[in-house]
């Protein structure tokens, strides 16, 4: 079985622990209560979770939508707090719904009390289900449908999460796809403000008032308060313009440069392919691997500078003034290509592969793509250079070195400004360029996922 960087990072600490043959501790009930509560709490705090949540619209009928919008922010939940009443539902992987809660919920009344306090937020899902969330530590990653690119939806979701929080604090760590909220051609269109250059943000700009103007004063006040005082981190999740760690002329890519093997590029499988909705992770301040060659030449489909710029435009239009520390991250990874995506049908329909099997399947695709990329350039250079082209040297100079300790299931966490800032001189380039390269001189942090709890 493939040994990943994740395995080497997380497993040794467990292997080095002395083996104790005790499977039960009957004296636990007679320990002082404060010690018992501390033990339960420590058992609940292994690592924060990256939770994948899907957003579904409950209706597409415009007449019904207009009726719902007229009733927004007028109803209350069971806790007595005003909720948005928006036309959306949240959902997680059905097969994973029962695995979200810790076993400590079922151990004893005392442990359940501690678990309910720790996972204090009971977030409603579609089909009358729910999940328990710790909004202080968990990162909620929202996947909207392709037709949802609406600041009103973000406002409704963040407002409702806060309304279901017994402490009235709401979510601290939000993750969204880079293309979820921000228009392709232009930053957020609000009602007032200036986006940091000389370009006004107005409701007549591309994108239109219907999508990017807040339609309810309660929504605007709530979102402004949440962004100013509650939210601590925004994770703009950005996939690389490559389905593997190979960048070059492949089945789906057009040749735009010499082949590049990005050994340390983070990979992340679609969680539903694993039958799960979350992964525990550890935040490492700086990626300890030799990543410089890879972060100096990263292929993106869209310019990552525009996300920070657009988010700042949203804040300015709303009048956000941060009273607590707040950071925006560009979260970079390559989607661990599911079997079959590039023509390799190694995964029978309905059969779920575990992470290590996906990595092995992906590695075979990478080898095939690398060979295809090298052959492309060999065939291209031969007729151009006549006898001057040294094919043997070219192949020896472009060897794909794939080491287990460099391969990781993770995400790079770049400060959003690590790729530079948008200004009047580069505005068009940032918002209109596609299939481009970017580099960073800043070593990114690492959200390294703990795979030890997944099926082997």
Protein backbone atom coordinates (compact mmCIF):
# COMPACT_ATOMS: atom_id res chain seq x y z
CA UNK A 1 0.00 0.00 0.00
CA UNK A 2 1.16 3.52 -0.80
CA UNK A 3 2.57 5.41 2.18
CA UNK A 4 1.63 9.08 1.97
CA UNK A 5 3.10 12.11 3.70
CA UNK A 6 -0.08 12.08 5.79
CA UNK A 7 0.68 8.58 7.06
CA UNK A 8 4.23 9.51 8.00
CA UNK A 9 3.10 12.68 9.79
CA UNK A 10 0.20 11.30 11.82
CA UNK A 11 0.96 7.62 12.46
CA UNK A 12 4.42 7.70 14.14
CA UNK A 13 3.12 9.48 17.23
CA UNK A 14 0.68 6.63 17.76
CA UNK A 15 3.26 3.95 17.05
CA UNK A 16 5.70 5.41 19.58
CA UNK A 17 3.18 5.43 22.39
CA UNK A 18 3.80 2.64 24.92
CA UNK A 19 1.32 -0.20 24.66
CA UNK A 20 -0.96 -0.41 27.66
CA UNK A 21 -3.06 -3.54 27.97
CA UNK A 22 -5.93 -1.80 29.80
CA UNK A 23 -9.17 -1.81 27.83
CA UNK A 24 -11.41 -0.40 30.57
CA UNK A 25 -11.08 1.87 33.59
CA UNK A 26 -13.72 1.10 36.18
CA UNK A 27 -12.59 3.85 38.55
CA UNK A 28 -13.48 6.59 36.05
CA UNK A 29 -16.91 7.34 37.65
CA UNK A 30 -15.29 8.12 41.03
CA UNK A 31 -12.88 10.69 39.60
CA UNK A 32 -13.72 14.30 40.49
CA UNK A 33 -16.30 15.72 38.10
CA UNK A 34 -14.03 18.47 36.78
CA UNK A 35 -11.42 15.83 35.81
CA UNK A 36 -14.04 13.66 34.08
CA UNK A 37 -15.34 16.65 32.14
CA UNK A 38 -11.81 17.58 31.11
CA UNK A 39 -11.17 14.04 29.86
CA UNK A 40 -14.38 14.05 27.80
CA UNK A 41 -13.46 17.42 26.35
CA UNK A 42 -9.95 16.27 25.40
CA UNK A 43 -11.47 13.26 23.64
CA UNK A 44 -13.67 15.62 21.61
CA UNK A 45 -10.83 17.88 20.51
CA UNK A 46 -8.57 15.79 18.27
CA UNK A 47 -8.46 18.15 15.27
CA UNK A 48 -10.74 20.59 13.46
CA UNK A 49 -12.90 19.23 10.66
CA UNK A 50 -13.21 20.29 7.03
CA UNK A 51 -16.90 19.62 6.37
CA UNK A 52 -18.30 19.47 2.84
CA UNK A 53 -21.88 20.78 2.60
CA UNK A 54 -24.00 21.07 -0.55
CA UNK A 55 -26.52 23.85 -1.16
CA UNK A 56 -29.75 22.95 -2.98
CA UNK A 57 -32.48 25.30 -4.11
CA UNK A 58 -35.97 24.30 -2.99
CA UNK A 59 -37.59 25.99 -5.98
CA UNK A 60 -36.72 27.49 -9.34
CA UNK A 61 -40.15 29.03 -9.97
CA UNK A 62 -39.69 32.80 -10.15
CA UNK A 63 -43.19 33.56 -8.83
CA UNK A 64 -42.60 31.34 -5.82
CA UNK A 65 -39.14 32.84 -5.30
CA UNK A 66 -40.60 36.35 -5.27
CA UNK A 67 -43.19 35.27 -2.70
CA UNK A 68 -40.51 33.70 -0.49
CA UNK A 69 -38.36 36.81 -0.78
CA UNK A 70 -41.28 38.95 0.43
CA UNK A 71 -41.36 36.81 3.59
CA UNK A 72 -37.61 36.76 4.22
CA UNK A 73 -36.40 37.36 7.78
CA UNK A 74 -39.90 37.28 9.29
CA UNK A 75 -40.04 33.77 10.82
CA UNK A 76 -38.33 32.37 13.91
CA UNK A 77 -36.75 29.01 14.62
CA UNK A 78 -37.36 26.81 17.68
CA UNK A 79 -34.81 28.87 19.60
CA UNK A 80 -36.81 32.05 19.04
CA UNK A 81 -34.28 33.59 16.66
CA UNK A 82 -35.19 35.16 13.31
CA UNK A 83 -34.14 33.01 10.34
CA UNK A 84 -33.89 33.96 6.69
CA UNK A 85 -36.58 31.61 5.39
CA UNK A 86 -34.56 31.38 2.20
CA UNK A 87 -35.34 28.94 -0.60
CA UNK A 88 -32.35 26.69 0.02
CA UNK A 89 -31.54 23.46 1.83
CA UNK A 90 -28.22 22.12 3.05
CA UNK A 91 -27.17 18.51 2.54
CA UNK A 92 -24.24 16.23 3.21
CA UNK A 93 -23.36 12.81 1.85
CA UNK A 94 -26.27 10.58 2.86
CA UNK A 95 -24.09 7.57 3.68
CA UNK A 96 -21.95 9.76 5.94
CA UNK A 97 -24.74 11.46 7.87
CA UNK A 98 -24.67 8.98 10.73
CA UNK A 99 -20.87 9.15 11.04
CA UNK A 100 -20.72 12.88 11.76
CA UNK A 101 -21.32 12.63 15.50
CA UNK A 102 -18.72 11.41 17.95
CA UNK A 103 -19.33 8.15 19.82
CA UNK A 104 -19.06 10.23 22.99
CA UNK A 105 -22.68 11.25 22.32
CA UNK A 106 -23.66 7.66 23.12
CA UNK A 107 -21.25 6.77 25.93
CA UNK A 108 -23.08 8.22 28.94
CA UNK A 109 -25.38 11.06 29.95
CA UNK A 110 -22.40 13.05 31.17
CA UNK A 111 -20.37 12.54 28.01
CA UNK A 112 -23.40 13.42 25.88
CA UNK A 113 -23.85 16.65 27.83
CA UNK A 114 -20.21 17.59 27.15
CA UNK A 115 -20.52 16.63 23.46
CA UNK A 116 -23.70 18.68 23.02
CA UNK A 117 -21.96 21.69 24.52
CA UNK A 118 -18.86 21.23 22.36
CA UNK A 119 -20.78 20.61 19.11
CA UNK A 120 -23.27 23.25 20.18
CA UNK A 121 -24.60 24.17 16.73
CA UNK A 122 -27.40 21.93 15.47
CA UNK A 123 -27.45 22.74 11.76
CA UNK A 124 -30.64 21.67 9.91
CA UNK A 125 -30.28 19.66 6.70
CA UNK A 126 -32.72 18.59 4.02
CA UNK A 127 -35.07 15.66 4.71
CA UNK A 128 -35.37 16.72 8.37
CA UNK A 129 -31.82 15.73 9.21
CA UNK A 130 -29.15 17.70 10.99
CA UNK A 131 -25.46 17.70 11.87
CA UNK A 132 -23.67 18.88 14.98
CA UNK A 133 -20.96 21.47 14.38
CA UNK A 134 -18.41 23.29 16.48
CA UNK A 135 -18.49 26.72 14.81
CA UNK A 136 -15.32 27.81 16.61
CA UNK A 137 -13.09 25.15 15.05
CA UNK A 138 -14.83 23.43 12.12
CA UNK A 139 -14.42 24.77 8.58
CA UNK A 140 -17.66 24.57 6.59
CA UNK A 141 -17.07 24.17 2.86
CA UNK A 142 -20.20 25.12 0.90
CA UNK A 143 -20.82 23.79 -2.62
CA UNK A 144 -23.55 25.77 -4.34
CA UNK A 145 -25.22 24.74 -7.55
CA UNK A 146 -23.96 26.32 -10.75
CA UNK A 147 -26.97 28.64 -10.80
CA UNK A 148 -26.29 30.03 -7.33
CA UNK A 149 -23.95 33.00 -7.40
CA UNK A 150 -25.80 35.34 -5.12
CA UNK A 151 -24.66 37.48 -2.19
CA UNK A 152 -28.18 37.03 -0.75
CA UNK A 153 -27.58 33.29 -0.46
CA UNK A 154 -24.33 33.80 1.44
CA UNK A 155 -26.04 36.30 3.74
CA UNK A 156 -28.93 33.90 4.40
CA UNK A 157 -26.69 30.92 5.19
CA UNK A 158 -24.38 32.83 7.54
CA UNK A 159 -27.36 34.48 9.24
CA UNK A 160 -29.12 31.14 9.75
CA UNK A 161 -26.00 29.46 11.14
CA UNK A 162 -25.76 32.25 13.70
CA UNK A 163 -29.49 31.91 14.47
CA UNK A 164 -28.99 28.23 15.35
CA UNK A 165 -25.97 28.91 17.57
CA UNK A 166 -26.99 28.96 21.27
CA UNK A 167 -24.24 31.51 21.89
CA UNK A 168 -25.38 33.72 18.99
CA UNK A 169 -21.86 33.82 17.54
CA UNK A 170 -22.11 31.86 14.31
CA UNK A 171 -19.47 30.48 11.99
CA UNK A 172 -15.83 31.51 12.31
CA UNK A 173 -14.30 29.61 9.38
CA UNK A 174 -15.97 29.66 5.96
CA UNK A 175 -14.76 27.88 2.81
CA UNK A 176 -16.22 28.55 -0.63
CA UNK A 177 -15.20 27.64 -4.16
CA UNK A 178 -13.33 30.51 -5.76
CA UNK A 179 -15.97 30.83 -8.49
CA UNK A 180 -18.96 30.56 -6.16
CA UNK A 181 -19.53 34.20 -5.40
CA UNK A 182 -17.25 36.27 -7.57
CA UNK A 183 -18.29 37.12 -11.15
CA UNK A 184 -15.93 36.23 -13.97
CA UNK A 185 -15.51 39.63 -15.55
CA UNK A 186 -15.89 42.08 -12.71
CA UNK A 187 -15.78 42.38 -8.92
CA UNK A 188 -18.85 42.43 -6.73
CA UNK A 189 -21.52 44.91 -7.72
CA UNK A 190 -22.98 46.61 -4.68
CA UNK A 191 -24.62 49.94 -4.11
CA UNK A 192 -21.80 52.13 -2.86
CA UNK A 193 -18.06 52.17 -2.51
CA UNK A 194 -14.88 51.92 -4.47
CA UNK A 195 -13.09 48.64 -5.15
CA UNK A 196 -9.59 49.87 -4.38
CA UNK A 197 -8.91 51.26 -7.81
CA UNK A 198 -10.86 53.92 -9.69
CA UNK A 199 -13.67 51.53 -10.64
CA UNK A 200 -16.99 52.22 -8.94
CA UNK A 201 -19.10 49.38 -7.64
CA UNK A 202 -22.64 50.01 -8.79
CA UNK A 203 -25.79 48.03 -9.42
CA UNK A 204 -25.66 48.60 -13.16
CA UNK A 205 -22.34 46.81 -13.66
CA UNK A 206 -21.94 43.40 -15.25
CA UNK A 207 -23.74 40.82 -13.18
CA UNK A 208 -26.74 43.04 -12.48
CA UNK A 209 -28.44 44.17 -9.33
CA UNK A 210 -30.53 41.02 -9.03
CA UNK A 211 -27.61 38.77 -8.28
CA UNK A 212 -25.22 40.90 -6.30
CA UNK A 213 -27.30 43.46 -4.44
CA UNK A 214 -28.63 42.56 -0.99
CA UNK A 215 -32.40 42.67 -1.18
CA UNK A 216 -33.25 42.90 2.53
CA UNK A 217 -32.05 45.43 5.13
CA UNK A 218 -31.93 42.75 7.85
CA UNK A 219 -29.75 40.60 5.58
CA UNK A 220 -27.39 43.49 4.94
CA UNK A 221 -27.12 44.41 8.63
CA UNK A 222 -26.63 40.77 9.61
CA UNK A 223 -23.98 40.05 6.97
CA UNK A 224 -22.10 43.25 7.79
CA UNK A 225 -22.07 42.35 11.49
CA UNK A 226 -20.96 38.76 10.85
CA UNK A 227 -18.12 39.80 8.55
CA UNK A 228 -17.05 42.59 10.89
CA UNK A 229 -17.15 40.79 14.23
CA UNK A 230 -17.66 37.02 13.85
CA UNK A 231 -15.92 35.50 10.81
CA UNK A 232 -12.20 34.84 11.33
CA UNK A 233 -11.07 33.10 8.15
CA UNK A 234 -12.33 32.84 4.57
CA UNK A 235 -10.96 29.94 2.53
CA UNK A 236 -11.24 30.57 -1.23
CA UNK A 237 -10.83 27.04 -2.57
CA UNK A 238 -9.11 27.01 -5.94
CA UNK A 239 -8.42 23.93 -8.05
CA UNK A 240 -5.36 23.86 -10.26
CA UNK A 241 -5.77 23.79 -14.03
CA UNK A 242 -4.73 20.16 -14.15
CA UNK A 243 -6.42 16.94 -13.11
CA UNK A 244 -3.17 15.37 -12.00
CA UNK A 245 0.25 16.59 -10.86
CA UNK A 246 1.35 16.60 -14.51
CA UNK A 247 1.02 19.85 -16.43
CA UNK A 248 1.50 19.48 -20.13
CA UNK A 249 -0.27 18.36 -23.30
CA UNK A 250 -2.60 15.62 -22.16
CA UNK A 251 -6.03 14.39 -23.14
CA UNK A 252 -7.76 17.46 -21.75
CA UNK A 253 -4.95 20.05 -21.83
CA UNK A 254 -3.60 22.06 -24.72
CA UNK A 255 0.19 22.49 -24.87
CA UNK A 256 1.11 25.86 -23.40
CA UNK A 257 4.58 25.07 -22.09
CA UNK A 258 7.11 22.38 -21.38
CA UNK A 259 5.96 19.41 -19.28
CA UNK A 260 5.97 20.10 -15.57
CA UNK A 261 5.90 17.45 -12.84
CA UNK A 262 4.58 18.98 -9.60
CA UNK A 263 5.43 16.31 -7.06
CA UNK A 264 4.40 18.29 -3.97
CA UNK A 265 1.15 19.66 -5.41
CA UNK A 266 -1.61 19.03 -2.84
CA UNK A 267 -4.31 16.56 -3.84
CA UNK A 268 -7.83 16.22 -2.50
CA UNK A 269 -10.38 13.60 -3.59
CA UNK A 270 -14.09 14.43 -3.85
CA UNK A 271 -15.25 13.43 -0.38
CA UNK A 272 -18.46 11.86 -1.68
CA UNK A 273 -16.30 9.38 -3.61
CA UNK A 274 -15.06 8.18 -0.24
CA UNK A 275 -18.55 8.07 1.27
CA UNK A 276 -17.68 10.78 3.79
CA UNK A 277 -18.55 14.42 4.38
CA UNK A 278 -15.60 15.59 6.42
CA UNK A 279 -11.94 15.05 7.17
CA UNK A 280 -10.04 16.03 10.28
CA UNK A 281 -7.01 18.15 9.53
CA UNK A 282 -3.97 19.71 11.13
CA UNK A 283 -2.96 23.24 10.24
CA UNK A 284 0.80 23.34 9.64
CA UNK A 285 2.10 26.91 9.50
CA UNK A 286 4.63 26.22 6.72
CA UNK A 287 4.73 23.25 4.35
CA UNK A 288 7.93 21.40 5.37
CA UNK A 289 8.41 19.71 2.00
CA UNK A 290 10.71 21.11 -0.75
CA UNK A 291 7.90 22.92 -2.57
CA UNK A 292 9.74 25.89 -4.14
CA UNK A 293 9.86 24.52 -7.72
CA UNK A 294 6.12 23.86 -7.65
CA UNK A 295 4.88 27.11 -6.07
CA UNK A 296 6.97 29.13 -8.54
CA UNK A 297 4.98 27.88 -11.53
CA UNK A 298 1.38 27.02 -10.65
CA UNK A 299 -1.20 26.56 -13.43
CA UNK A 300 -4.55 28.19 -12.68
CA UNK A 301 -7.63 28.42 -14.84
CA UNK A 302 -8.38 31.89 -13.46
CA UNK A 303 -6.17 34.50 -11.84
CA UNK A 304 -6.13 33.93 -8.04
CA UNK A 305 -5.57 37.65 -7.39
CA UNK A 306 -9.16 38.47 -8.20
CA UNK A 307 -10.64 36.60 -5.23
CA UNK A 308 -8.97 38.79 -2.62
CA UNK A 309 -9.80 41.87 -4.68
CA UNK A 310 -13.46 40.92 -5.10
CA UNK A 311 -13.85 40.05 -1.42
CA UNK A 312 -12.43 43.41 -0.41
CA UNK A 313 -14.94 45.02 -2.76
CA UNK A 314 -17.76 43.16 -1.00
CA UNK A 315 -16.50 44.36 2.38
CA UNK A 316 -16.22 47.92 1.18
CA UNK A 317 -19.68 47.93 -0.35
CA UNK A 318 -21.13 46.66 2.94
CA UNK A 319 -19.09 48.97 5.13
CA UNK A 320 -17.34 46.10 6.93
CA UNK A 321 -14.90 47.16 9.65
CA UNK A 322 -13.11 44.24 11.26
CA UNK A 323 -13.04 44.29 15.06
CA UNK A 324 -11.47 40.83 15.30
CA UNK A 325 -8.52 39.28 13.42
CA UNK A 326 -9.59 38.17 9.94
CA UNK A 327 -7.63 36.47 7.15
CA UNK A 328 -8.43 35.45 3.58
CA UNK A 329 -6.68 32.36 2.21
CA UNK A 330 -6.31 31.03 -1.31
CA UNK A 331 -6.60 27.26 -0.83
CA UNK A 332 -4.85 25.44 -3.65
CA UNK A 333 -5.05 21.78 -4.65
CA UNK A 334 -5.46 19.42 -7.56
CA UNK A 335 -8.57 17.28 -7.44
CA UNK A 336 -7.49 13.69 -7.03
CA UNK A 337 -8.89 12.46 -10.33
CA UNK A 338 -11.56 9.81 -9.78
CA UNK A 339 -10.98 6.68 -11.81
CA UNK A 340 -12.55 7.00 -15.24
CA UNK A 341 -12.21 10.78 -15.54
CA UNK A 342 -9.38 10.54 -18.04
CA UNK A 343 -10.32 7.30 -19.71
CA UNK A 344 -9.10 4.78 -17.11
CA UNK A 345 -12.13 2.75 -16.08
CA UNK A 346 -10.60 1.14 -12.99
CA UNK A 347 -13.48 1.87 -10.62
CA UNK A 348 -16.64 -0.20 -11.18
CA UNK A 349 -19.86 1.82 -10.91
CA UNK A 350 -21.14 1.96 -7.34
CA UNK A 351 -17.84 0.80 -5.83
CA UNK A 352 -16.04 3.27 -3.58
CA UNK A 353 -12.26 3.28 -3.49
CA UNK A 354 -10.37 4.32 -0.39
CA UNK A 355 -7.87 7.18 -0.48
CA UNK A 356 -4.81 5.03 -1.07
CA UNK A 357 -6.50 3.17 -3.92
CA UNK A 358 -7.45 6.50 -5.49
CA UNK A 359 -3.84 7.65 -5.20
CA UNK A 360 -2.59 4.47 -6.88
CA UNK A 361 -5.15 4.83 -9.67
CA UNK A 362 -4.20 8.48 -10.04
CA UNK A 363 -0.50 7.63 -10.19
CA UNK A 364 -1.04 5.39 -13.17
CA UNK A 365 -2.85 8.23 -14.92
CA UNK A 366 0.04 10.55 -14.07
CA UNK A 367 2.59 8.15 -15.53
CA UNK A 368 0.55 7.86 -18.72
CA UNK A 369 0.11 11.63 -18.97
CA UNK A 370 3.81 12.25 -18.35
CA UNK A 371 4.79 9.80 -21.06
CA UNK A 372 2.28 11.40 -23.43
CA UNK A 373 3.66 14.89 -22.67
CA UNK A 374 7.27 13.82 -23.24
CA UNK A 375 6.39 12.06 -26.48
CA UNK A 376 4.53 15.15 -27.66
CA UNK A 377 7.63 17.32 -27.30
CA UNK A 378 9.92 14.69 -28.78
CA UNK A 379 7.71 14.46 -31.86
CA UNK A 380 7.47 18.24 -32.02
CA UNK A 381 11.19 18.93 -31.70
CA UNK A 382 12.51 16.29 -34.08
CA UNK A 383 11.40 17.90 -37.36
CA UNK A 384 12.19 21.42 -36.10
CA UNK A 385 15.74 20.83 -34.94
CA UNK A 386 16.70 18.19 -37.50
CA UNK A 387 19.75 16.37 -36.10
CA UNK A 388 20.48 18.83 -33.27
CA UNK A 389 17.81 17.52 -30.93
CA UNK A 390 19.18 14.98 -28.42
CA UNK A 391 16.20 12.83 -27.56
CA UNK A 392 18.08 10.71 -25.02
CA UNK A 393 19.23 13.79 -23.11
CA UNK A 394 15.71 15.25 -23.21
CA UNK A 395 14.16 12.09 -21.76
CA UNK A 396 16.87 11.75 -19.10
CA UNK A 397 16.41 15.39 -18.11
CA UNK A 398 12.66 14.99 -17.72
CA UNK A 399 12.20 12.04 -15.40
CA UNK A 400 9.12 11.86 -13.19
CA UNK A 401 10.36 11.23 -9.63
CA UNK A 402 7.41 10.17 -7.48
CA UNK A 403 8.27 9.74 -3.80
CA UNK A 404 5.76 8.60 -1.20
CA UNK A 405 6.88 11.15 1.38
CA UNK A 406 6.22 13.99 -1.08
CA UNK A 407 2.68 12.87 -1.97
CA UNK A 408 0.00 14.32 0.30
CA UNK A 409 -3.76 14.66 0.67
CA UNK A 410 -3.91 18.28 1.70
CA UNK A 411 -4.41 21.89 0.63
CA UNK A 412 -1.95 24.75 0.43
CA UNK A 413 -3.10 27.81 2.36
CA UNK A 414 -1.67 30.94 0.78
CA UNK A 415 -2.41 34.39 2.17
CA UNK A 416 -4.74 35.73 -0.51
CA UNK A 417 -2.37 38.59 -1.30
CA UNK A 418 0.52 36.17 -1.89
CA UNK A 419 -0.08 36.32 -5.65
CA UNK A 420 -0.08 40.10 -5.79
CA UNK A 421 -2.78 42.74 -5.76
CA UNK A 422 -5.17 43.98 -8.42
CA UNK A 423 -4.79 47.61 -9.48
CA UNK A 424 -5.69 49.82 -12.43
CA UNK A 425 -2.73 48.56 -14.44
CA UNK A 426 -3.47 44.83 -14.14
CA UNK A 427 -7.26 44.88 -13.64
CA UNK A 428 -8.07 43.57 -17.13
CA UNK A 429 -5.40 40.89 -16.89
CA UNK A 430 -6.66 39.67 -13.51
CA UNK A 431 -10.32 39.47 -14.52
CA UNK A 432 -10.05 38.40 -18.16
CA UNK A 433 -7.11 35.95 -18.24
CA UNK A 434 -7.63 32.20 -18.35
CA UNK A 435 -5.27 29.21 -18.21
CA UNK A 436 -2.45 31.22 -16.71
CA UNK A 437 0.56 30.61 -14.48
CA UNK A 438 1.09 32.17 -11.07
CA UNK A 439 3.89 32.05 -8.54
CA UNK A 440 4.36 32.91 -4.91
CA UNK A 441 7.47 33.78 -2.93
CA UNK A 442 5.56 33.04 0.28
CA UNK A 443 5.72 29.52 1.69
CA UNK A 444 2.11 28.42 2.16
CA UNK A 445 0.60 26.81 5.18
CA UNK A 446 -0.70 23.28 4.93
CA UNK A 447 -4.09 21.84 5.83
CA UNK A 448 -2.95 18.23 6.16
CA UNK A 449 -5.80 15.75 6.36
CA UNK A 450 -5.76 12.91 8.87
CA UNK A 451 -6.56 9.70 6.99
CA UNK A 452 -6.09 7.36 9.96
CA UNK A 453 -9.82 7.17 10.71
CA UNK A 454 -10.76 6.20 7.15
CA UNK A 455 -11.18 2.60 5.97
CA UNK A 456 -7.83 1.06 5.03
